[in-house]
Amino acid sequence: HQQIAGDHPYEWAEQRLRRAVRVAVDGLLPTAA
C-alpha cells in the first residue's frame, strides 16, 4: 500500500520488505541461530 500510494518502483518495496522481514524473523529464529 505504501508503494502504490507513493508510486515507488518495485526495488523500493523489495528493500523495504527485506529490512522489515529481517526485524520480524529475528524474533522467530531459535536462540542459537
Full PDB file with SEQRES, HELIX, SHEET, SSBOND, CRYST1, ORIGX, SCALE, CONECT and MASTER records, all heavy atoms in Angstrom:
SEQRES   1 A   33  HIS GLN GLN ILE ALA GLY ASP HIS PRO TYR GLU TRP ALA          
SEQRES   2 A   33  GLU GLN ARG LEU ARG ARG ALA VAL ARG VAL ALA VAL ASP          
SEQRES   3 A   33  GLY LEU LEU PRO THR ALA ALA                                  
HELIX    1 AA1 GLN A    2  GLY A    6  1                                   5    
HELIX    2 AA2 TYR A   10  ASP A   26  1                                  17    
CRYST1    1.000    1.000    1.000  90.00  90.00  90.00 P 1           1          
ORIGX1      1.000000  0.000000  0.000000        0.00000                         
ORIGX2      0.000000  1.000000  0.000000        0.00000                         
ORIGX3      0.000000  0.000000  1.000000        0.00000                         
SCALE1      1.000000  0.000000  0.000000        0.00000                         
SCALE2      0.000000  1.000000  0.000000        0.00000                         
SCALE3      0.000000  0.000000  1.000000        0.00000                         
ATOM      1  N   HIS A   1       0.830  -1.211   0.000  1.00  0.00           N  
ATOM      2  CA  HIS A   1       0.000   0.000   0.000  1.00  0.00           C  
ATOM      3  C   HIS A   1       0.864   1.261   0.000  1.00  0.00           C  
ATOM      4  O   HIS A   1       0.557   2.239  -0.695  1.00  0.00           O  
ATOM      5  CB  HIS A   1      -0.942   0.001   1.208  1.00  0.00           C  
ATOM      6  CG  HIS A   1      -2.048  -1.001   1.097  1.00  0.00           C  
ATOM      7  ND1 HIS A   1      -2.905  -1.276   2.134  1.00  0.00           N  
ATOM      8  CD2 HIS A   1      -2.436  -1.796   0.071  1.00  0.00           C  
ATOM      9  CE1 HIS A   1      -3.773  -2.194   1.749  1.00  0.00           C  
ATOM     10  NE2 HIS A   1      -3.505  -2.530   0.511  1.00  0.00           N  
ATOM     11  N   GLN A   2       1.963   1.245   0.752  1.00  0.00           N  
ATOM     12  CA  GLN A   2       2.881   2.391   0.749  1.00  0.00           C  
ATOM     13  C   GLN A   2       3.499   2.576  -0.630  1.00  0.00           C  
ATOM     14  O   GLN A   2       3.682   3.705  -1.103  1.00  0.00           O  
ATOM     15  CB  GLN A   2       3.978   2.186   1.793  1.00  0.00           C  
ATOM     16  CG  GLN A   2       3.499   2.276   3.235  1.00  0.00           C  
ATOM     17  CD  GLN A   2       4.529   1.733   4.212  1.00  0.00           C  
ATOM     18  OE1 GLN A   2       5.704   1.629   3.896  1.00  0.00           O  
ATOM     19  NE2 GLN A   2       4.081   1.381   5.404  1.00  0.00           N  
ATOM     20  N   GLN A   3       3.827   1.466  -1.256  1.00  0.00           N  
ATOM     21  CA  GLN A   3       4.440   1.547  -2.576  1.00  0.00           C  
ATOM     22  C   GLN A   3       3.507   2.173  -3.608  1.00  0.00           C  
ATOM     23  O   GLN A   3       3.893   3.086  -4.336  1.00  0.00           O  
ATOM     24  CB  GLN A   3       4.851   0.156  -3.055  1.00  0.00           C  
ATOM     25  CG  GLN A   3       5.482   0.179  -4.445  1.00  0.00           C  
ATOM     26  CD  GLN A   3       5.627  -1.193  -5.032  1.00  0.00           C  
ATOM     27  OE1 GLN A   3       5.136  -2.157  -4.484  1.00  0.00           O  
ATOM     28  NE2 GLN A   3       6.292  -1.278  -6.162  1.00  0.00           N  
ATOM     29  N   ILE A   4       2.268   1.668  -3.673  1.00  0.00           N  
ATOM     30  CA  ILE A   4       1.368   2.187  -4.700  1.00  0.00           C  
ATOM     31  C   ILE A   4       0.924   3.607  -4.369  1.00  0.00           C  
ATOM     32  O   ILE A   4       0.704   4.413  -5.275  1.00  0.00           O  
ATOM     33  CB  ILE A   4       0.158   1.257  -4.938  1.00  0.00           C  
ATOM     34  CG1 ILE A   4      -0.697   1.107  -3.675  1.00  0.00           C  
ATOM     35  CG2 ILE A   4       0.623  -0.099  -5.440  1.00  0.00           C  
ATOM     36  CD1 ILE A   4      -1.979   0.301  -3.890  1.00  0.00           C  
ATOM     37  N   ALA A   5       0.798   3.928  -3.066  1.00  0.00           N  
ATOM     38  CA  ALA A   5       0.404   5.290  -2.682  1.00  0.00           C  
ATOM     39  C   ALA A   5       1.487   6.291  -3.065  1.00  0.00           C  
ATOM     40  O   ALA A   5       1.202   7.398  -3.525  1.00  0.00           O  
ATOM     41  CB  ALA A   5       0.121   5.361  -1.186  1.00  0.00           C  
ATOM     42  N   GLY A   6       2.762   5.898  -2.864  1.00  0.00           N  
ATOM     43  CA  GLY A   6       3.872   6.792  -3.175  1.00  0.00           C  
ATOM     44  C   GLY A   6       4.400   6.647  -4.575  1.00  0.00           C  
ATOM     45  O   GLY A   6       5.352   7.340  -4.965  1.00  0.00           O  
ATOM     46  N   ASP A   7       3.788   5.732  -5.362  1.00  0.00           N  
ATOM     47  CA  ASP A   7       4.219   5.463  -6.739  1.00  0.00           C  
ATOM     48  C   ASP A   7       5.710   5.090  -6.782  1.00  0.00           C  
ATOM     49  O   ASP A   7       6.453   5.522  -7.648  1.00  0.00           O  
ATOM     50  CB  ASP A   7       3.943   6.672  -7.635  1.00  0.00           C  
ATOM     51  CG  ASP A   7       3.752   6.254  -9.097  1.00  0.00           C  
ATOM     52  OD1 ASP A   7       3.426   5.076  -9.340  1.00  0.00           O  
ATOM     53  OD2 ASP A   7       3.952   7.102  -9.986  1.00  0.00           O  
ATOM     54  N   HIS A   8       6.120   4.259  -5.819  1.00  0.00           N  
ATOM     55  CA  HIS A   8       7.511   3.828  -5.751  1.00  0.00           C  
ATOM     56  C   HIS A   8       7.750   2.658  -6.697  1.00  0.00           C  
ATOM     57  O   HIS A   8       6.834   1.884  -6.982  1.00  0.00           O  
ATOM     58  CB  HIS A   8       7.859   3.392  -4.322  1.00  0.00           C  
ATOM     59  CG  HIS A   8       7.709   4.472  -3.305  1.00  0.00           C  
ATOM     60  ND1 HIS A   8       8.454   5.631  -3.334  1.00  0.00           N  
ATOM     61  CD2 HIS A   8       6.887   4.573  -2.216  1.00  0.00           C  
ATOM     62  CE1 HIS A   8       8.113   6.392  -2.311  1.00  0.00           C  
ATOM     63  NE2 HIS A   8       7.167   5.787  -1.626  1.00  0.00           N  
ATOM     64  N   PRO A   9       8.982   2.466  -7.147  1.00  0.00           N  
ATOM     65  CA  PRO A   9       9.293   1.319  -8.006  1.00  0.00           C  
ATOM     66  C   PRO A   9       9.364   0.024  -7.206  1.00  0.00           C  
ATOM     67  O   PRO A   9       9.430   0.034  -5.967  1.00  0.00           O  
ATOM     68  CB  PRO A   9      10.674   1.669  -8.577  1.00  0.00           C  
ATOM     69  CG  PRO A   9      11.288   2.555  -7.539  1.00  0.00           C  
ATOM     70  CD  PRO A   9      10.142   3.346  -6.956  1.00  0.00           C  
ATOM     71  N   TYR A  10       9.384  -1.084  -7.922  1.00  0.00           N  
ATOM     72  CA  TYR A  10       9.463  -2.403  -7.286  1.00  0.00           C  
ATOM     73  C   TYR A  10      10.664  -2.503  -6.357  1.00  0.00           C  
ATOM     74  O   TYR A  10      10.575  -3.071  -5.261  1.00  0.00           O  
ATOM     75  CB  TYR A  10       9.545  -3.474  -8.384  1.00  0.00           C  
ATOM     76  CG  TYR A  10       9.958  -4.829  -7.887  1.00  0.00           C  
ATOM     77  CD1 TYR A  10       9.039  -5.684  -7.285  1.00  0.00           C  
ATOM     78  CD2 TYR A  10      11.283  -5.263  -8.028  1.00  0.00           C  
ATOM     79  CE1 TYR A  10       9.426  -6.934  -6.825  1.00  0.00           C  
ATOM     80  CE2 TYR A  10      11.670  -6.508  -7.567  1.00  0.00           C  
ATOM     81  CZ  TYR A  10      10.743  -7.339  -6.970  1.00  0.00           C  
ATOM     82  OH  TYR A  10      11.136  -8.571  -6.515  1.00  0.00           O  
ATOM     83  N   GLU A  11      11.803  -1.944  -6.754  1.00  0.00           N  
ATOM     84  CA  GLU A  11      13.028  -2.047  -5.960  1.00  0.00           C  
ATOM     85  C   GLU A  11      12.866  -1.420  -4.573  1.00  0.00           C  
ATOM     86  O   GLU A  11      13.448  -1.891  -3.602  1.00  0.00           O  
ATOM     87  CB  GLU A  11      14.198  -1.400  -6.692  1.00  0.00           C  
ATOM     88  CG  GLU A  11      14.650  -2.125  -7.943  1.00  0.00           C  
ATOM     89  CD  GLU A  11      13.698  -1.939  -9.124  1.00  0.00           C  
ATOM     90  OE1 GLU A  11      12.862  -0.994  -9.086  1.00  0.00           O  
ATOM     91  OE2 GLU A  11      13.781  -2.739 -10.077  1.00  0.00           O  
ATOM     92  N   TRP A  12      12.075  -0.353  -4.502  1.00  0.00           N  
ATOM     93  CA  TRP A  12      11.809   0.289  -3.212  1.00  0.00           C  
ATOM     94  C   TRP A  12      11.107  -0.692  -2.281  1.00  0.00           C  
ATOM     95  O   TRP A  12      11.493  -0.851  -1.115  1.00  0.00           O  
ATOM     96  CB  TRP A  12      10.956   1.532  -3.421  1.00  0.00           C  
ATOM     97  CG  TRP A  12      10.577   2.265  -2.163  1.00  0.00           C  
ATOM     98  CD1 TRP A  12      11.238   3.309  -1.586  1.00  0.00           C  
ATOM     99  CD2 TRP A  12       9.442   2.009  -1.316  1.00  0.00           C  
ATOM    100  NE1 TRP A  12      10.601   3.714  -0.439  1.00  0.00           N  
ATOM    101  CE2 TRP A  12       9.489   2.938  -0.251  1.00  0.00           C  
ATOM    102  CE3 TRP A  12       8.390   1.093  -1.361  1.00  0.00           C  
ATOM    103  CZ2 TRP A  12       8.527   2.971   0.754  1.00  0.00           C  
ATOM    104  CZ3 TRP A  12       7.434   1.110  -0.349  1.00  0.00           C  
ATOM    105  CH2 TRP A  12       7.502   2.050   0.686  1.00  0.00           C  
ATOM    106  N   ALA A  13      10.063  -1.339  -2.802  1.00  0.00           N  
ATOM    107  CA  ALA A  13       9.306  -2.296  -1.986  1.00  0.00           C  
ATOM    108  C   ALA A  13      10.176  -3.489  -1.608  1.00  0.00           C  
ATOM    109  O   ALA A  13      10.093  -3.993  -0.474  1.00  0.00           O  
ATOM    110  CB  ALA A  13       8.080  -2.766  -2.750  1.00  0.00           C  
ATOM    111  N   GLU A  14      11.005  -3.947  -2.528  1.00  0.00           N  
ATOM    112  CA  GLU A  14      11.872  -5.094  -2.246  1.00  0.00           C  
ATOM    113  C   GLU A  14      12.792  -4.805  -1.057  1.00  0.00           C  
ATOM    114  O   GLU A  14      12.886  -5.606  -0.113  1.00  0.00           O  
ATOM    115  CB  GLU A  14      12.707  -5.426  -3.476  1.00  0.00           C  
ATOM    116  CG  GLU A  14      13.662  -6.592  -3.268  1.00  0.00           C  
ATOM    117  CD  GLU A  14      14.516  -6.862  -4.487  1.00  0.00           C  
ATOM    118  OE1 GLU A  14      14.441  -6.090  -5.472  1.00  0.00           O  
ATOM    119  OE2 GLU A  14      15.274  -7.857  -4.451  1.00  0.00           O  
ATOM    120  N   GLN A  15      13.458  -3.662  -1.080  1.00  0.00           N  
ATOM    121  CA  GLN A  15      14.374  -3.328   0.006  1.00  0.00           C  
ATOM    122  C   GLN A  15      13.640  -3.121   1.327  1.00  0.00           C  
ATOM    123  O   GLN A  15      14.122  -3.520   2.391  1.00  0.00           O  
ATOM    124  CB  GLN A  15      15.179  -2.070  -0.359  1.00  0.00           C  
ATOM    125  CG  GLN A  15      16.183  -2.291  -1.473  1.00  0.00           C  
ATOM    126  CD  GLN A  15      17.117  -3.461  -1.170  1.00  0.00           C  
ATOM    127  OE1 GLN A  15      17.683  -3.549  -0.080  1.00  0.00           O  
ATOM    128  NE2 GLN A  15      17.269  -4.357  -2.132  1.00  0.00           N  
ATOM    129  N   ARG A  16      12.478  -2.514   1.257  1.00  0.00           N  
ATOM    130  CA  ARG A  16      11.702  -2.286   2.486  1.00  0.00           C  
ATOM    131  C   ARG A  16      11.259  -3.617   3.091  1.00  0.00           C  
ATOM    132  O   ARG A  16      11.291  -3.806   4.316  1.00  0.00           O  
ATOM    133  CB  ARG A  16      10.494  -1.392   2.180  1.00  0.00           C  
ATOM    134  CG  ARG A  16       9.867  -0.761   3.415  1.00  0.00           C  
ATOM    135  CD  ARG A  16       8.915   0.345   2.998  1.00  0.00           C  
ATOM    136  NE  ARG A  16       8.356   1.009   4.145  1.00  0.00           N  
ATOM    137  CZ  ARG A  16       8.923   2.036   4.779  1.00  0.00           C  
ATOM    138  NH1 ARG A  16      10.096   2.492   4.367  1.00  0.00           N  
ATOM    139  NH2 ARG A  16       8.335   2.598   5.821  1.00  0.00           N  
ATOM    140  N   LEU A  17      10.832  -4.542   2.243  1.00  0.00           N  
ATOM    141  CA  LEU A  17      10.436  -5.857   2.732  1.00  0.00           C  
ATOM    142  C   LEU A  17      11.621  -6.598   3.347  1.00  0.00           C  
ATOM    143  O   LEU A  17      11.490  -7.238   4.397  1.00  0.00           O  
ATOM    144  CB  LEU A  17       9.844  -6.694   1.597  1.00  0.00           C  
ATOM    145  CG  LEU A  17       8.360  -6.500   1.290  1.00  0.00           C  
ATOM    146  CD1 LEU A  17       7.965  -7.361   0.100  1.00  0.00           C  
ATOM    147  CD2 LEU A  17       7.495  -6.841   2.492  1.00  0.00           C  
ATOM    148  N   ARG A  18      12.766  -6.522   2.697  1.00  0.00           N  
ATOM    149  CA  ARG A  18      13.944  -7.225   3.218  1.00  0.00           C  
ATOM    150  C   ARG A  18      14.297  -6.735   4.628  1.00  0.00           C  
ATOM    151  O   ARG A  18      14.583  -7.535   5.519  1.00  0.00           O  
ATOM    152  CB  ARG A  18      15.136  -7.047   2.275  1.00  0.00           C  
ATOM    153  CG  ARG A  18      14.992  -7.789   0.958  1.00  0.00           C  
ATOM    154  CD  ARG A  18      16.276  -7.733   0.144  1.00  0.00           C  
ATOM    155  NE  ARG A  18      16.073  -8.290  -1.180  1.00  0.00           N  
ATOM    156  CZ  ARG A  18      16.043  -9.590  -1.467  1.00  0.00           C  
ATOM    157  NH1 ARG A  18      16.200 -10.479  -0.501  1.00  0.00           N  
ATOM    158  NH2 ARG A  18      15.862 -10.006  -2.707  1.00  0.00           N  
ATOM    159  N   ARG A  19      14.285  -5.426   4.813  1.00  0.00           N  
ATOM    160  CA  ARG A  19      14.623  -4.881   6.133  1.00  0.00           C  
ATOM    161  C   ARG A  19      13.562  -5.252   7.181  1.00  0.00           C  
ATOM    162  O   ARG A  19      13.884  -5.654   8.297  1.00  0.00           O  
ATOM    163  CB  ARG A  19      14.779  -3.361   6.052  1.00  0.00           C  
ATOM    164  CG  ARG A  19      15.988  -2.909   5.241  1.00  0.00           C  
ATOM    165  CD  ARG A  19      16.270  -1.429   5.461  1.00  0.00           C  
ATOM    166  NE  ARG A  19      15.170  -0.579   5.039  1.00  0.00           N  
ATOM    167  CZ  ARG A  19      15.033  -0.075   3.816  1.00  0.00           C  
ATOM    168  NH1 ARG A  19      15.938  -0.335   2.876  1.00  0.00           N  
ATOM    169  NH2 ARG A  19      14.009   0.700   3.524  1.00  0.00           N  
ATOM    170  N   ALA A  20      12.279  -5.112   6.801  1.00  0.00           N  
ATOM    171  CA  ALA A  20      11.196  -5.360   7.758  1.00  0.00           C  
ATOM    172  C   ALA A  20      11.111  -6.835   8.138  1.00  0.00           C  
ATOM    173  O   ALA A  20      10.906  -7.175   9.313  1.00  0.00           O  
ATOM    174  CB  ALA A  20       9.869  -4.884   7.178  1.00  0.00           C  
ATOM    175  N   VAL A  21      11.276  -7.707   7.154  1.00  0.00           N  
ATOM    176  CA  VAL A  21      11.198  -9.142   7.442  1.00  0.00           C  
ATOM    177  C   VAL A  21      12.365  -9.575   8.317  1.00  0.00           C  
ATOM    178  O   VAL A  21      12.210 -10.424   9.204  1.00  0.00           O  
ATOM    179  CB  VAL A  21      11.136  -9.964   6.140  1.00  0.00           C  
ATOM    180  CG1 VAL A  21      11.339 -11.453   6.419  1.00  0.00           C  
ATOM    181  CG2 VAL A  21       9.788  -9.746   5.451  1.00  0.00           C  
ATOM    182  N   ARG A  22      13.553  -8.987   8.107  1.00  0.00           N  
ATOM    183  CA  ARG A  22      14.676  -9.333   8.975  1.00  0.00           C  
ATOM    184  C   ARG A  22      14.356  -9.010  10.432  1.00  0.00           C  
ATOM    185  O   ARG A  22      14.621  -9.814  11.335  1.00  0.00           O  
ATOM    186  CB  ARG A  22      15.938  -8.577   8.527  1.00  0.00           C  
ATOM    187  CG  ARG A  22      17.119  -8.725   9.470  1.00  0.00           C  
ATOM    188  CD  ARG A  22      17.492 -10.177   9.718  1.00  0.00           C  
ATOM    189  NE  ARG A  22      17.987 -10.815   8.521  1.00  0.00           N  
ATOM    190  CZ  ARG A  22      18.088 -12.136   8.374  1.00  0.00           C  
ATOM    191  NH1 ARG A  22      17.699 -12.940   9.340  1.00  0.00           N  
ATOM    192  NH2 ARG A  22      18.551 -12.653   7.258  1.00  0.00           N  
ATOM    193  N   VAL A  23      13.741  -7.855  10.668  1.00  0.00           N  
ATOM    194  CA  VAL A  23      13.364  -7.487  12.038  1.00  0.00           C  
ATOM    195  C   VAL A  23      12.351  -8.490  12.592  1.00  0.00           C  
ATOM    196  O   VAL A  23      12.465  -8.950  13.738  1.00  0.00           O  
ATOM    197  CB  VAL A  23      12.771  -6.062  12.080  1.00  0.00           C  
ATOM    198  CG1 VAL A  23      12.199  -5.752  13.449  1.00  0.00           C  
ATOM    199  CG2 VAL A  23      13.844  -5.040  11.715  1.00  0.00           C  
ATOM    200  N   ALA A  24      11.363  -8.851  11.777  1.00  0.00           N  
ATOM    201  CA  ALA A  24      10.334  -9.789  12.234  1.00  0.00           C  
ATOM    202  C   ALA A  24      10.915 -11.177  12.484  1.00  0.00           C  
ATOM    203  O   ALA A  24      10.626 -11.809  13.507  1.00  0.00           O  
ATOM    204  CB  ALA A  24       9.208  -9.871  11.205  1.00  0.00           C  
ATOM    205  N   VAL A  25      11.749 -11.642  11.581  1.00  0.00           N  
ATOM    206  CA  VAL A  25      12.258 -13.010  11.671  1.00  0.00           C  
ATOM    207  C   VAL A  25      13.257 -13.171  12.803  1.00  0.00           C  
ATOM    208  O   VAL A  25      13.374 -14.243  13.391  1.00  0.00           O  
ATOM    209  CB  VAL A  25      12.867 -13.452  10.324  1.00  0.00           C  
ATOM    210  CG1 VAL A  25      13.636 -14.765  10.457  1.00  0.00           C  
ATOM    211  CG2 VAL A  25      11.751 -13.625   9.302  1.00  0.00           C  
ATOM    212  N   ASP A  26      13.961 -12.139  13.170  1.00  0.00           N  
ATOM    213  CA  ASP A  26      14.890 -12.251  14.291  1.00  0.00           C  
ATOM    214  C   ASP A  26      14.170 -12.719  15.552  1.00  0.00           C  
ATOM    215  O   ASP A  26      14.778 -13.367  16.408  1.00  0.00           O  
ATOM    216  CB  ASP A  26      15.580 -10.913  14.558  1.00  0.00           C  
ATOM    217  CG  ASP A  26      16.765 -10.702  13.630  1.00  0.00           C  
ATOM    218  OD1 ASP A  26      17.181 -11.668  12.964  1.00  0.00           O  
ATOM    219  OD2 ASP A  26      17.275  -9.568  13.568  1.00  0.00           O  
ATOM    220  N   GLY A  27      12.885 -12.437  15.640  1.00  0.00           N  
ATOM    221  CA  GLY A  27      12.112 -12.912  16.787  1.00  0.00           C  
ATOM    222  C   GLY A  27      11.582 -14.321  16.606  1.00  0.00           C  
ATOM    223  O   GLY A  27      11.051 -14.901  17.542  1.00  0.00           O  
ATOM    224  N   LEU A  28      11.698 -14.884  15.397  1.00  0.00           N  
ATOM    225  CA  LEU A  28      11.210 -16.233  15.137  1.00  0.00           C  
ATOM    226  C   LEU A  28      12.318 -17.273  15.201  1.00  0.00           C  
ATOM    227  O   LEU A  28      12.060 -18.455  15.367  1.00  0.00           O  
ATOM    228  CB  LEU A  28      10.583 -16.302  13.732  1.00  0.00           C  
ATOM    229  CG  LEU A  28       9.440 -15.336  13.416  1.00  0.00           C  
ATOM    230  CD1 LEU A  28       8.962 -15.565  11.995  1.00  0.00           C  
ATOM    231  CD2 LEU A  28       8.292 -15.529  14.384  1.00  0.00           C  
ATOM    232  N   LEU A  29      13.562 -16.839  15.053  1.00  0.00           N  
ATOM    233  CA  LEU A  29      14.669 -17.782  14.980  1.00  0.00           C  
ATOM    234  C   LEU A  29      14.917 -18.471  16.309  1.00  0.00           C  
ATOM    235  O   LEU A  29      14.742 -17.857  17.373  1.00  0.00           O  
ATOM    236  CB  LEU A  29      15.951 -17.040  14.571  1.00  0.00           C  
ATOM    237  CG  LEU A  29      16.022 -16.535  13.136  1.00  0.00           C  
ATOM    238  CD1 LEU A  29      17.230 -15.631  12.972  1.00  0.00           C  
ATOM    239  CD2 LEU A  29      16.115 -17.703  12.165  1.00  0.00           C  
ATOM    240  N   PRO A  30      15.339 -19.749  16.279  1.00  0.00           N  
ATOM    241  CA  PRO A  30      15.809 -20.377  17.505  1.00  0.00           C  
ATOM    242  C   PRO A  30      16.962 -19.566  18.090  1.00  0.00           C  
ATOM    243  O   PRO A  30      17.734 -18.965  17.359  1.00  0.00           O  
ATOM    244  CB  PRO A  30      16.297 -21.759  17.025  1.00  0.00           C  
ATOM    245  CG  PRO A  30      15.591 -21.973  15.731  1.00  0.00           C  
ATOM    246  CD  PRO A  30      15.405 -20.633  15.120  1.00  0.00           C  
ATOM    247  N   THR A  31      17.107 -19.553  19.387  1.00  0.00           N  
ATOM    248  CA  THR A  31      18.098 -18.708  20.061  1.00  0.00           C  
ATOM    249  C   THR A  31      19.493 -18.913  19.494  1.00  0.00           C  
ATOM    250  O   THR A  31      20.228 -17.965  19.236  1.00  0.00           O  
ATOM    251  CB  THR A  31      18.114 -18.995  21.572  1.00  0.00           C  
ATOM    252  OG1 THR A  31      16.793 -18.827  22.074  1.00  0.00           O  
ATOM    253  CG2 THR A  31      19.073 -18.070  22.293  1.00  0.00           C  
ATOM    254  N   ALA A  32      19.868 -20.159  19.244  1.00  0.00           N  
ATOM    255  CA  ALA A  32      21.226 -20.459  18.771  1.00  0.00           C  
ATOM    256  C   ALA A  32      21.492 -19.901  17.392  1.00  0.00           C  
ATOM    257  O   ALA A  32      22.636 -19.737  16.989  1.00  0.00           O  
ATOM    258  CB  ALA A  32      21.449 -21.968  18.769  1.00  0.00           C  
ATOM    259  N   ALA A  33      20.445 -19.625  16.630  1.00  0.00           N  
ATOM    260  CA  ALA A  33      20.636 -19.185  15.241  1.00  0.00           C  
ATOM    261  C   ALA A  33      20.818 -17.684  15.121  1.00  0.00           C  
ATOM    262  O   ALA A  33      21.192 -17.193  14.064  1.00  0.00           O  
ATOM    263  CB  ALA A  33      19.449 -19.630  14.390  1.00  0.00           C  
TER     264      ALA A  33                                                      
MASTER        0    0    0    2    0    0    0    6  263    1    0    3          
END                                                                             
